[in-house]
Amino acid sequence: MMKVIGLTGGIATGKSTVTNILLARGVPVCDTDKIARKVVEKGTPALQALATAFGTEILTSEKTLNRQVLATIIFQDEQKRHLVNSIVHPYVFEAILNWKKEQTASVVFIDMPLLYEVGYDTQVDSVLVVYIPKEKQLERLMKRNGYTLEEASIRIEAQMPIEEKRVCADDVIDNSGTIEETEKQVIAYLEKQKM
């Protein structure tokens, strides 16, 4: 029986760092951000549904998704954000199911930033949250993406607060230290999972 672990956190908390540590150790990780980008590629049913819901202004001249335009819309309106999720997530969930069917490992990870927000925590055996304090999260997001404090805050506020995710988690990786410290925690977690 395969154990499925949901890997989540907030924007700029270091999920990619943890994912890279897992992948380097040969642990299967499903990257739902990649899947979400793939399901809205040019000509896909999800992109067509988004264009129907939001108009062709969300498309580039090449008929691909203009992520900046869509981000501006959804980060200003929670109802529109929920609409996008209701359109895109069924395609993402189907792709995750297909990915899981292909796996042979006894433990796999699903890297999903919005795991709690979309209720996917009910579809995994346990949840591992990558945590950093909100102040550090803001600082990292501003530095990484070149956002102003307001732009970074809007994106962070669009997600479930990292402190809430931390409380709901079965296990937590504190990523506020060095990469080496994070790696030690990941290795200890894997040993606990008998990997």
N, C-alpha and C. Protein backbone atom coordinates (compact mmCIF):
# COMPACT_ATOMS: atom_id res chain seq x y z
N MET A 1 0.85 -1.20 0.00
CA MET A 1 0.00 0.00 0.00
C MET A 1 0.89 1.25 0.00
N MET A 2 0.65 2.11 -0.95
CA MET A 2 1.45 3.33 -1.08
C MET A 2 0.95 4.40 -0.10
N LYS A 3 1.89 5.04 0.58
CA LYS A 3 1.55 6.16 1.47
C LYS A 3 1.73 7.45 0.69
N VAL A 4 0.71 8.31 0.74
CA VAL A 4 0.74 9.58 0.02
C VAL A 4 0.84 10.71 1.04
N ILE A 5 1.91 11.50 0.91
CA ILE A 5 2.14 12.62 1.83
C ILE A 5 1.94 13.93 1.07
N GLY A 6 1.09 14.77 1.61
CA GLY A 6 0.89 16.09 1.03
C GLY A 6 1.96 17.03 1.54
N LEU A 7 2.67 17.66 0.62
CA LEU A 7 3.71 18.63 0.97
C LEU A 7 3.17 20.02 0.64
N THR A 8 3.09 20.87 1.64
CA THR A 8 2.54 22.20 1.40
C THR A 8 3.26 23.23 2.28
N GLY A 9 2.82 24.44 2.16
CA GLY A 9 3.39 25.56 2.89
C GLY A 9 2.77 26.81 2.28
N GLY A 10 3.37 27.93 2.51
CA GLY A 10 2.90 29.16 1.89
C GLY A 10 3.82 29.56 0.76
N ILE A 11 3.43 30.58 0.04
CA ILE A 11 4.28 31.11 -1.02
C ILE A 11 5.60 31.57 -0.38
N ALA A 12 6.71 31.18 -0.99
CA ALA A 12 8.06 31.58 -0.55
C ALA A 12 8.48 31.01 0.81
N THR A 13 7.87 29.87 1.21
CA THR A 13 8.30 29.25 2.46
C THR A 13 9.41 28.22 2.24
N GLY A 14 9.63 27.82 1.00
CA GLY A 14 10.72 26.89 0.71
C GLY A 14 10.28 25.49 0.32
N LYS A 15 9.06 25.36 -0.22
CA LYS A 15 8.61 24.04 -0.68
C LYS A 15 9.54 23.50 -1.75
N SER A 16 10.00 24.36 -2.65
CA SER A 16 10.91 23.92 -3.72
C SER A 16 12.22 23.39 -3.15
N THR A 17 12.72 24.02 -2.11
CA THR A 17 13.94 23.55 -1.45
C THR A 17 13.73 22.14 -0.92
N VAL A 18 12.62 21.92 -0.23
CA VAL A 18 12.33 20.59 0.32
C VAL A 18 12.11 19.59 -0.81
N THR A 19 11.38 19.99 -1.85
CA THR A 19 11.16 19.11 -3.00
C THR A 19 12.49 18.69 -3.62
N ASN A 20 13.39 19.64 -3.80
CA ASN A 20 14.70 19.31 -4.39
C ASN A 20 15.49 18.34 -3.52
N ILE A 21 15.39 18.48 -2.21
CA ILE A 21 16.06 17.55 -1.29
C ILE A 21 15.46 16.15 -1.46
N LEU A 22 14.13 16.08 -1.54
CA LEU A 22 13.46 14.79 -1.72
C LEU A 22 13.86 14.15 -3.05
N LEU A 23 13.80 14.94 -4.12
CA LEU A 23 14.14 14.41 -5.45
C LEU A 23 15.59 13.93 -5.51
N ALA A 24 16.49 14.66 -4.86
CA ALA A 24 17.91 14.26 -4.84
C ALA A 24 18.10 12.92 -4.13
N ARG A 25 17.17 12.56 -3.27
CA ARG A 25 17.23 11.28 -2.55
C ARG A 25 16.40 10.21 -3.25
N GLY A 26 15.90 10.53 -4.45
CA GLY A 26 15.15 9.55 -5.23
C GLY A 26 13.71 9.36 -4.81
N VAL A 27 13.18 10.31 -4.05
CA VAL A 27 11.80 10.21 -3.57
C VAL A 27 10.87 10.81 -4.64
N PRO A 28 9.82 10.08 -5.04
CA PRO A 28 8.89 10.62 -6.03
C PRO A 28 8.08 11.80 -5.48
N VAL A 29 8.07 12.90 -6.24
CA VAL A 29 7.32 14.09 -5.86
C VAL A 29 6.51 14.55 -7.07
N CYS A 30 5.21 14.70 -6.88
CA CYS A 30 4.33 15.23 -7.91
C CYS A 30 4.25 16.74 -7.73
N ASP A 31 4.69 17.48 -8.73
CA ASP A 31 4.71 18.95 -8.69
C ASP A 31 3.40 19.48 -9.27
N THR A 32 2.48 19.86 -8.41
CA THR A 32 1.17 20.30 -8.90
C THR A 32 1.21 21.68 -9.54
N ASP A 33 2.22 22.49 -9.23
CA ASP A 33 2.37 23.76 -9.95
C ASP A 33 2.65 23.50 -11.42
N LYS A 34 3.53 22.53 -11.71
CA LYS A 34 3.82 22.17 -13.11
C LYS A 34 2.57 21.64 -13.79
N ILE A 35 1.83 20.80 -13.07
CA ILE A 35 0.58 20.26 -13.64
C ILE A 35 -0.39 21.39 -13.92
N ALA A 36 -0.53 22.32 -12.98
CA ALA A 36 -1.47 23.44 -13.16
C ALA A 36 -1.09 24.28 -14.38
N ARG A 37 0.22 24.46 -14.62
CA ARG A 37 0.65 25.19 -15.81
C ARG A 37 0.33 24.40 -17.08
N LYS A 38 0.53 23.10 -17.02
CA LYS A 38 0.30 22.25 -18.19
C LYS A 38 -1.19 22.19 -18.57
N VAL A 39 -2.07 22.11 -17.57
CA VAL A 39 -3.49 21.96 -17.90
C VAL A 39 -4.11 23.23 -18.48
N VAL A 40 -3.39 24.36 -18.41
CA VAL A 40 -3.90 25.60 -19.01
C VAL A 40 -3.06 26.03 -20.22
N GLU A 41 -2.35 25.07 -20.82
CA GLU A 41 -1.59 25.39 -22.03
C GLU A 41 -2.55 25.68 -23.18
N LYS A 42 -2.02 26.28 -24.22
CA LYS A 42 -2.80 26.66 -25.40
C LYS A 42 -3.61 25.47 -25.91
N GLY A 43 -4.90 25.72 -26.14
CA GLY A 43 -5.78 24.71 -26.72
C GLY A 43 -6.39 23.72 -25.74
N THR A 44 -6.07 23.83 -24.45
CA THR A 44 -6.62 22.88 -23.48
C THR A 44 -8.04 23.26 -23.07
N PRO A 45 -8.83 22.27 -22.65
CA PRO A 45 -10.19 22.59 -22.18
C PRO A 45 -10.20 23.57 -21.01
N ALA A 46 -9.23 23.45 -20.11
CA ALA A 46 -9.18 24.36 -18.95
C ALA A 46 -8.96 25.80 -19.40
N LEU A 47 -8.05 26.01 -20.35
CA LEU A 47 -7.80 27.38 -20.83
C LEU A 47 -9.04 27.92 -21.54
N GLN A 48 -9.70 27.08 -22.31
CA GLN A 48 -10.92 27.51 -22.99
C GLN A 48 -12.00 27.91 -21.97
N ALA A 49 -12.11 27.13 -20.90
CA ALA A 49 -13.09 27.44 -19.85
C ALA A 49 -12.74 28.75 -19.14
N LEU A 50 -11.45 28.98 -18.90
CA LEU A 50 -11.02 30.25 -18.28
C LEU A 50 -11.35 31.44 -19.18
N ALA A 51 -11.09 31.28 -20.48
CA ALA A 51 -11.36 32.37 -21.43
C ALA A 51 -12.86 32.65 -21.51
N THR A 52 -13.67 31.61 -21.41
CA THR A 52 -15.12 31.79 -21.40
C THR A 52 -15.55 32.54 -20.14
N ALA A 53 -14.97 32.18 -19.01
CA ALA A 53 -15.35 32.79 -17.73
C ALA A 53 -14.85 34.22 -17.58
N PHE A 54 -13.63 34.50 -18.09
CA PHE A 54 -13.00 35.80 -17.81
C PHE A 54 -12.80 36.67 -19.05
N GLY A 55 -13.10 36.13 -20.21
CA GLY A 55 -12.94 36.91 -21.43
C GLY A 55 -11.55 36.72 -22.03
N THR A 56 -11.43 37.08 -23.29
CA THR A 56 -10.17 36.86 -24.02
C THR A 56 -9.05 37.78 -23.58
N GLU A 57 -9.34 38.76 -22.71
CA GLU A 57 -8.25 39.63 -22.22
C GLU A 57 -7.25 38.85 -21.35
N ILE A 58 -7.61 37.63 -20.92
CA ILE A 58 -6.65 36.82 -20.16
C ILE A 58 -5.72 36.03 -21.09
N LEU A 59 -5.91 36.20 -22.40
CA LEU A 59 -5.07 35.49 -23.37
C LEU A 59 -4.07 36.45 -24.01
N THR A 60 -2.91 35.90 -24.37
CA THR A 60 -1.92 36.68 -25.11
C THR A 60 -2.31 36.68 -26.58
N SER A 61 -1.58 37.41 -27.39
CA SER A 61 -1.86 37.42 -28.83
C SER A 61 -1.64 36.04 -29.46
N GLU A 62 -0.83 35.20 -28.79
CA GLU A 62 -0.60 33.82 -29.28
C GLU A 62 -1.64 32.84 -28.74
N LYS A 63 -2.65 33.35 -28.05
CA LYS A 63 -3.73 32.55 -27.47
C LYS A 63 -3.26 31.63 -26.33
N THR A 64 -2.22 32.07 -25.62
CA THR A 64 -1.79 31.38 -24.41
C THR A 64 -2.27 32.20 -23.22
N LEU A 65 -2.21 31.61 -22.03
CA LEU A 65 -2.67 32.30 -20.83
C LEU A 65 -1.72 33.43 -20.47
N ASN A 66 -2.28 34.62 -20.29
CA ASN A 66 -1.50 35.76 -19.79
C ASN A 66 -1.60 35.71 -18.27
N ARG A 67 -0.60 35.09 -17.66
CA ARG A 67 -0.62 34.84 -16.21
C ARG A 67 -0.66 36.13 -15.40
N GLN A 68 0.00 37.16 -15.90
CA GLN A 68 0.01 38.44 -15.17
C GLN A 68 -1.39 39.05 -15.09
N VAL A 69 -2.10 39.01 -16.21
CA VAL A 69 -3.46 39.57 -16.24
C VAL A 69 -4.37 38.76 -15.32
N LEU A 70 -4.29 37.42 -15.42
CA LEU A 70 -5.13 36.58 -14.57
C LEU A 70 -4.78 36.78 -13.08
N ALA A 71 -3.49 36.88 -12.77
CA ALA A 71 -3.07 37.10 -11.37
C ALA A 71 -3.65 38.39 -10.83
N THR A 72 -3.62 39.44 -11.63
CA THR A 72 -4.18 40.73 -11.20
C THR A 72 -5.66 40.58 -10.87
N ILE A 73 -6.38 39.83 -11.70
CA ILE A 73 -7.82 39.62 -11.48
C ILE A 73 -8.06 38.82 -10.20
N ILE A 74 -7.37 37.70 -10.05
CA ILE A 74 -7.70 36.79 -8.94
C ILE A 74 -7.17 37.24 -7.59
N PHE A 75 -6.09 38.03 -7.59
CA PHE A 75 -5.58 38.49 -6.30
C PHE A 75 -6.36 39.70 -5.78
N GLN A 76 -7.27 40.23 -6.60
CA GLN A 76 -8.10 41.35 -6.17
C GLN A 76 -9.52 40.93 -5.83
N ASP A 77 -9.88 39.68 -6.17
CA ASP A 77 -11.27 39.25 -6.01
C ASP A 77 -11.31 37.77 -5.62
N GLU A 78 -11.68 37.53 -4.37
CA GLU A 78 -11.68 36.15 -3.86
C GLU A 78 -12.65 35.25 -4.61
N GLN A 79 -13.81 35.78 -5.01
CA GLN A 79 -14.78 34.97 -5.75
C GLN A 79 -14.20 34.53 -7.10
N LYS A 80 -13.49 35.44 -7.75
CA LYS A 80 -12.88 35.09 -9.05
C LYS A 80 -11.76 34.07 -8.85
N ARG A 81 -11.04 34.18 -7.73
CA ARG A 81 -9.99 33.21 -7.43
C ARG A 81 -10.62 31.83 -7.25
N HIS A 82 -11.74 31.77 -6.54
CA HIS A 82 -12.44 30.49 -6.36
C HIS A 82 -12.95 29.95 -7.69
N LEU A 83 -13.40 30.83 -8.56
CA LEU A 83 -13.87 30.40 -9.88
C LEU A 83 -12.72 29.78 -10.68
N VAL A 84 -11.56 30.43 -10.67
CA VAL A 84 -10.39 29.87 -11.36
C VAL A 84 -10.08 28.49 -10.80
N ASN A 85 -10.04 28.38 -9.47
CA ASN A 85 -9.74 27.09 -8.84
C ASN A 85 -10.76 26.03 -9.23
N SER A 86 -12.03 26.40 -9.27
CA SER A 86 -13.07 25.42 -9.61
C SER A 86 -12.96 24.96 -11.07
N ILE A 87 -12.39 25.78 -11.92
CA ILE A 87 -12.18 25.40 -13.32
C ILE A 87 -10.93 24.54 -13.47
N VAL A 88 -9.84 24.97 -12.87
CA VAL A 88 -8.54 24.34 -13.10
C VAL A 88 -8.33 23.07 -12.26
N HIS A 89 -8.77 23.09 -11.00
CA HIS A 89 -8.43 21.99 -10.10
C HIS A 89 -8.94 20.61 -10.51
N PRO A 90 -10.12 20.46 -11.09
CA PRO A 90 -10.51 19.11 -11.53
C PRO A 90 -9.50 18.50 -12.52
N TYR A 91 -8.95 19.31 -13.40
CA TYR A 91 -7.94 18.81 -14.34
C TYR A 91 -6.64 18.46 -13.61
N VAL A 92 -6.28 19.26 -12.63
CA VAL A 92 -5.08 18.99 -11.82
C VAL A 92 -5.27 17.70 -11.04
N PHE A 93 -6.43 17.53 -10.41
CA PHE A 93 -6.68 16.33 -9.60
C PHE A 93 -6.64 15.07 -10.46
N GLU A 94 -7.18 15.16 -11.67
CA GLU A 94 -7.14 14.01 -12.59
C GLU A 94 -5.69 13.66 -12.94
N ALA A 95 -4.88 14.66 -13.20
CA ALA A 95 -3.47 14.42 -13.53
C ALA A 95 -2.72 13.82 -12.34
N ILE A 96 -3.05 14.25 -11.13
CA ILE A 96 -2.43 13.67 -9.93
C ILE A 96 -2.78 12.19 -9.81
N LEU A 97 -4.04 11.86 -10.03
CA LEU A 97 -4.46 10.45 -9.98
C LEU A 97 -3.67 9.62 -10.98
N ASN A 98 -3.52 10.13 -12.19
CA ASN A 98 -2.75 9.42 -13.22
C ASN A 98 -1.30 9.26 -12.80
N TRP A 99 -0.71 10.30 -12.21
CA TRP A 99 0.67 10.24 -11.74
C TRP A 99 0.81 9.16 -10.65
N LYS A 100 -0.12 9.14 -9.70
CA LYS A 100 -0.05 8.17 -8.61
C LYS A 100 -0.12 6.73 -9.14
N LYS A 101 -0.94 6.51 -10.16
CA LYS A 101 -1.06 5.16 -10.74
C LYS A 101 0.26 4.67 -11.33
N GLU A 102 1.10 5.61 -11.77
CA GLU A 102 2.39 5.25 -12.38
C GLU A 102 3.49 4.98 -11.35
N GLN A 103 3.26 5.32 -10.09
CA GLN A 103 4.31 5.22 -9.07
C GLN A 103 4.38 3.82 -8.48
N THR A 104 5.61 3.40 -8.17
CA THR A 104 5.83 2.09 -7.56
C THR A 104 6.42 2.20 -6.15
N ALA A 105 6.82 3.39 -5.75
CA ALA A 105 7.43 3.59 -4.43
C ALA A 105 6.39 3.38 -3.33
N SER A 106 6.86 3.06 -2.13
CA SER A 106 5.94 2.85 -1.01
C SER A 106 5.46 4.18 -0.41
N VAL A 107 6.26 5.25 -0.62
CA VAL A 107 5.89 6.58 -0.14
C VAL A 107 6.11 7.59 -1.26
N VAL A 108 5.10 8.41 -1.52
CA VAL A 108 5.22 9.47 -2.53
C VAL A 108 4.73 10.78 -1.92
N PHE A 109 5.19 11.88 -2.51
CA PHE A 109 4.80 13.21 -2.04
C PHE A 109 4.03 13.93 -3.13
N ILE A 110 3.02 14.68 -2.73
CA ILE A 110 2.28 15.56 -3.62
C ILE A 110 2.57 16.98 -3.15
N ASP A 111 3.35 17.73 -3.95
CA ASP A 111 3.70 19.11 -3.63
C ASP A 111 2.56 20.00 -4.12
N MET A 112 1.76 20.51 -3.18
CA MET A 112 0.57 21.29 -3.53
C MET A 112 0.47 22.52 -2.63
N PRO A 113 0.79 23.70 -3.18
CA PRO A 113 0.73 24.92 -2.37
C PRO A 113 -0.63 25.17 -1.71
N LEU A 114 -1.71 24.87 -2.40
CA LEU A 114 -3.06 25.16 -1.87
C LEU A 114 -3.75 23.90 -1.33
N LEU A 115 -2.98 22.98 -0.80
CA LEU A 115 -3.50 21.70 -0.33
C LEU A 115 -4.70 21.87 0.61
N TYR A 116 -4.54 22.68 1.64
CA TYR A 116 -5.65 22.90 2.59
C TYR A 116 -6.77 23.72 1.97
N GLU A 117 -6.38 24.73 1.20
CA GLU A 117 -7.37 25.65 0.64
C GLU A 117 -8.37 24.94 -0.27
N VAL A 118 -7.90 23.90 -0.99
CA VAL A 118 -8.79 23.19 -1.91
C VAL A 118 -9.31 21.88 -1.33
N GLY A 119 -8.99 21.62 -0.06
CA GLY A 119 -9.50 20.43 0.60
C GLY A 119 -8.79 19.13 0.23
N TYR A 120 -7.61 19.23 -0.39
CA TYR A 120 -6.91 18.01 -0.82
C TYR A 120 -6.26 17.28 0.35
N ASP A 121 -6.22 17.92 1.51
CA ASP A 121 -5.66 17.24 2.70
C ASP A 121 -6.44 15.98 3.04
N THR A 122 -7.69 15.89 2.58
CA THR A 122 -8.50 14.69 2.81
C THR A 122 -8.12 13.55 1.87
N GLN A 123 -7.30 13.85 0.86
CA GLN A 123 -6.92 12.85 -0.15
C GLN A 123 -5.52 12.28 0.10
N VAL A 124 -4.86 12.72 1.16
CA VAL A 124 -3.51 12.24 1.46
C VAL A 124 -3.50 11.58 2.84
N ASP A 125 -2.47 10.77 3.08
CA ASP A 125 -2.38 10.06 4.35
C ASP A 125 -1.85 10.94 5.47
N SER A 126 -0.99 11.88 5.13
CA SER A 126 -0.51 12.85 6.12
C SER A 126 -0.03 14.10 5.40
N VAL A 127 0.13 15.17 6.17
CA VAL A 127 0.53 16.46 5.60
C VAL A 127 1.82 16.94 6.26
N LEU A 128 2.77 17.32 5.41
CA LEU A 128 4.04 17.90 5.84
C LEU A 128 4.05 19.36 5.40
N VAL A 129 4.16 20.27 6.35
CA VAL A 129 4.15 21.70 6.05
C VAL A 129 5.57 22.25 6.13
N VAL A 130 5.96 23.01 5.10
CA VAL A 130 7.23 23.74 5.12
C VAL A 130 6.91 25.12 5.67
N TYR A 131 7.55 25.45 6.78
CA TYR A 131 7.18 26.65 7.55
C TYR A 131 8.34 27.63 7.65
N ILE A 132 8.01 28.91 7.55
CA ILE A 132 8.87 30.01 8.00
C ILE A 132 7.93 31.07 8.58
N PRO A 133 8.39 31.89 9.51
CA PRO A 133 7.53 32.95 10.04
C PRO A 133 7.08 33.90 8.93
N LYS A 134 5.90 34.48 9.10
CA LYS A 134 5.32 35.34 8.07
C LYS A 134 6.24 36.50 7.67
N GLU A 135 6.94 37.09 8.63
CA GLU A 135 7.83 38.22 8.31
C GLU A 135 8.92 37.77 7.34
N LYS A 136 9.47 36.59 7.59
CA LYS A 136 10.51 36.05 6.72
C LYS A 136 9.93 35.67 5.35
N GLN A 137 8.69 35.19 5.36
CA GLN A 137 7.99 34.85 4.13
C GLN A 137 7.83 36.10 3.25
N LEU A 138 7.39 37.20 3.86
CA LEU A 138 7.26 38.47 3.14
C LEU A 138 8.60 38.91 2.55
N GLU A 139 9.63 38.85 3.39
CA GLU A 139 10.97 39.27 2.99
C GLU A 139 11.47 38.44 1.80
N ARG A 140 11.30 37.11 1.88
CA ARG A 140 11.75 36.22 0.79
C ARG A 140 10.98 36.47 -0.50
N LEU A 141 9.66 36.65 -0.38
CA LEU A 141 8.83 36.86 -1.56
C LEU A 141 9.19 38.17 -2.25
N MET A 142 9.40 39.22 -1.48
CA MET A 142 9.78 40.51 -2.06
C MET A 142 11.13 40.40 -2.77
N LYS A 143 12.07 39.73 -2.14
CA LYS A 143 13.41 39.58 -2.72
C LYS A 143 13.37 38.69 -3.96
N ARG A 144 12.69 37.55 -3.86
CA ARG A 144 12.65 36.57 -4.95
C ARG A 144 11.93 37.10 -6.19
N ASN A 145 10.78 37.74 -5.98
CA ASN A 145 9.93 38.15 -7.10
C ASN A 145 10.00 39.63 -7.42
N GLY A 146 10.72 40.40 -6.61
CA GLY A 146 10.81 41.83 -6.84
C GLY A 146 9.51 42.56 -6.53
N TYR A 147 8.69 41.99 -5.64
CA TYR A 147 7.41 42.60 -5.28
C TYR A 147 7.62 43.71 -4.25
N THR A 148 6.69 44.66 -4.27
CA THR A 148 6.61 45.64 -3.18
C THR A 148 6.01 44.92 -1.98
N LEU A 149 6.05 45.57 -0.83
CA LEU A 149 5.44 45.00 0.37
C LEU A 149 3.95 44.73 0.15
N GLU A 150 3.27 45.67 -0.51
CA GLU A 150 1.84 45.51 -0.77
C GLU A 150 1.58 44.32 -1.70
N GLU A 151 2.35 44.20 -2.79
CA GLU A 151 2.17 43.09 -3.74
C GLU A 151 2.41 41.75 -3.06
N ALA A 152 3.46 41.68 -2.26
CA ALA A 152 3.78 40.44 -1.55
C ALA A 152 2.68 40.11 -0.54
N SER A 153 2.22 41.12 0.19
CA SER A 153 1.18 40.91 1.20
C SER A 153 -0.11 40.39 0.58
N ILE A 154 -0.50 40.95 -0.55
CA ILE A 154 -1.72 40.52 -1.24
C ILE A 154 -1.64 39.04 -1.58
N ARG A 155 -0.49 38.59 -2.08
CA ARG A 155 -0.33 37.19 -2.46
C ARG A 155 -0.33 36.27 -1.23
N ILE A 156 0.32 36.70 -0.18
CA ILE A 156 0.34 35.89 1.05
C ILE A 156 -1.05 35.81 1.67
N GLU A 157 -1.76 36.94 1.68
CA GLU A 157 -3.11 36.97 2.27
C GLU A 157 -4.11 36.15 1.48
N ALA A 158 -3.81 35.86 0.20
CA ALA A 158 -4.71 35.06 -0.63
C ALA A 158 -4.68 33.58 -0.25
N GLN A 159 -3.69 33.21 0.57
CA GLN A 159 -3.56 31.82 1.01
C GLN A 159 -3.93 31.71 2.48
N MET A 160 -4.20 30.48 2.89
CA MET A 160 -4.42 30.20 4.31
C MET A 160 -3.16 30.62 5.07
N PRO A 161 -3.29 31.29 6.20
CA PRO A 161 -2.10 31.74 6.94
C PRO A 161 -1.16 30.58 7.28
N ILE A 162 0.14 30.83 7.13
CA ILE A 162 1.15 29.79 7.36
C ILE A 162 1.07 29.25 8.79
N GLU A 163 0.72 30.10 9.75
CA GLU A 163 0.58 29.63 11.14
C GLU A 163 -0.55 28.61 11.26
N GLU A 164 -1.64 28.82 10.53
CA GLU A 164 -2.76 27.86 10.54
C GLU A 164 -2.34 26.55 9.91
N LYS A 165 -1.62 26.64 8.78
CA LYS A 165 -1.14 25.41 8.13
C LYS A 165 -0.24 24.64 9.08
N ARG A 166 0.60 25.35 9.79
CA ARG A 166 1.52 24.72 10.74
C ARG A 166 0.75 23.95 11.81
N VAL A 167 -0.32 24.54 12.33
CA VAL A 167 -1.13 23.90 13.36
C VAL A 167 -1.85 22.67 12.82
N CYS A 168 -2.32 22.74 11.59
CA CYS A 168 -3.08 21.64 10.98
C CYS A 168 -2.19 20.47 10.55
N ALA A 169 -0.92 20.72 10.37
CA ALA A 169 0.00 19.72 9.81
C ALA A 169 0.21 18.53 10.72
N ASP A 170 0.50 17.39 10.10
CA ASP A 170 0.94 16.22 10.87
C ASP A 170 2.40 16.38 11.26
N ASP A 171 3.18 17.00 10.37
CA ASP A 171 4.60 17.24 10.63
C ASP A 171 4.99 18.58 10.00
N VAL A 172 6.06 19.19 10.53
CA VAL A 172 6.50 20.51 10.06
C VAL A 172 8.01 20.49 9.83
N ILE A 173 8.43 21.07 8.70
CA ILE A 173 9.84 21.36 8.44
C ILE A 173 10.00 22.86 8.62
N ASP A 174 10.84 23.28 9.56
CA ASP A 174 11.10 24.70 9.76
C ASP A 174 12.25 25.09 8.84
N ASN A 175 11.92 25.88 7.82
CA ASN A 175 12.88 26.26 6.79
C ASN A 175 13.45 27.66 7.01
N SER A 176 13.42 28.15 8.25
CA SER A 176 13.91 29.51 8.49
C SER A 176 15.41 29.56 8.74
N GLY A 177 16.06 28.40 8.78
CA GLY A 177 17.51 28.36 8.98
C GLY A 177 18.25 28.16 7.67
N THR A 178 19.35 27.43 7.74
CA THR A 178 20.17 27.17 6.54
C THR A 178 19.59 25.99 5.76
N ILE A 179 20.04 25.84 4.52
CA ILE A 179 19.63 24.69 3.70
C ILE A 179 20.07 23.39 4.39
N GLU A 180 21.25 23.42 4.99
CA GLU A 180 21.76 22.22 5.68
C GLU A 180 20.84 21.83 6.84
N GLU A 181 20.36 22.83 7.58
CA GLU A 181 19.44 22.55 8.69
C GLU A 181 18.12 21.98 8.17
N THR A 182 17.65 22.53 7.05
CA THR A 182 16.42 22.02 6.44
C THR A 182 16.63 20.59 5.98
N GLU A 183 17.76 20.33 5.34
CA GLU A 183 18.04 18.98 4.83
C GLU A 183 18.07 17.96 5.98
N LYS A 184 18.66 18.33 7.10
CA LYS A 184 18.69 17.42 8.27
C LYS A 184 17.27 17.07 8.72
N GLN A 185 16.39 18.08 8.73
CA GLN A 185 15.00 17.83 9.13
C GLN A 185 14.30 16.91 8.14
N VAL A 186 14.56 17.12 6.84
CA VAL A 186 13.93 16.28 5.81
C VAL A 186 14.41 14.85 5.95
N ILE A 187 15.71 14.66 6.15
CA ILE A 187 16.26 13.31 6.30
C ILE A 187 15.66 12.63 7.53
N ALA A 188 15.56 13.36 8.64
CA ALA A 188 14.95 12.80 9.86
C ALA A 188 13.49 12.42 9.60
N TYR A 189 12.78 13.26 8.84
CA TYR A 189 11.39 12.96 8.51
C TYR A 189 11.30 11.69 7.67
N LEU A 190 12.18 11.56 6.67
CA LEU A 190 12.18 10.37 5.82
C LEU A 190 12.48 9.12 6.63
N GLU A 191 13.41 9.23 7.56
CA GLU A 191 13.73 8.08 8.42
C GLU A 191 12.51 7.68 9.26
N LYS A 192 11.79 8.68 9.72
CA LYS A 192 10.56 8.43 10.49
C LYS A 192 9.52 7.69 9.62
N GLN A 193 9.54 8.00 8.31
CA GLN A 193 8.63 7.35 7.37
C GLN A 193 9.17 5.99 6.91
N LYS A 194 10.33 5.61 7.45
CA LYS A 194 11.02 4.37 7.10
C LYS A 194 11.44 4.35 5.63
N MET A 195 11.99 5.48 5.20
CA MET A 195 12.48 5.59 3.82
C MET A 195 14.00 5.66 3.82
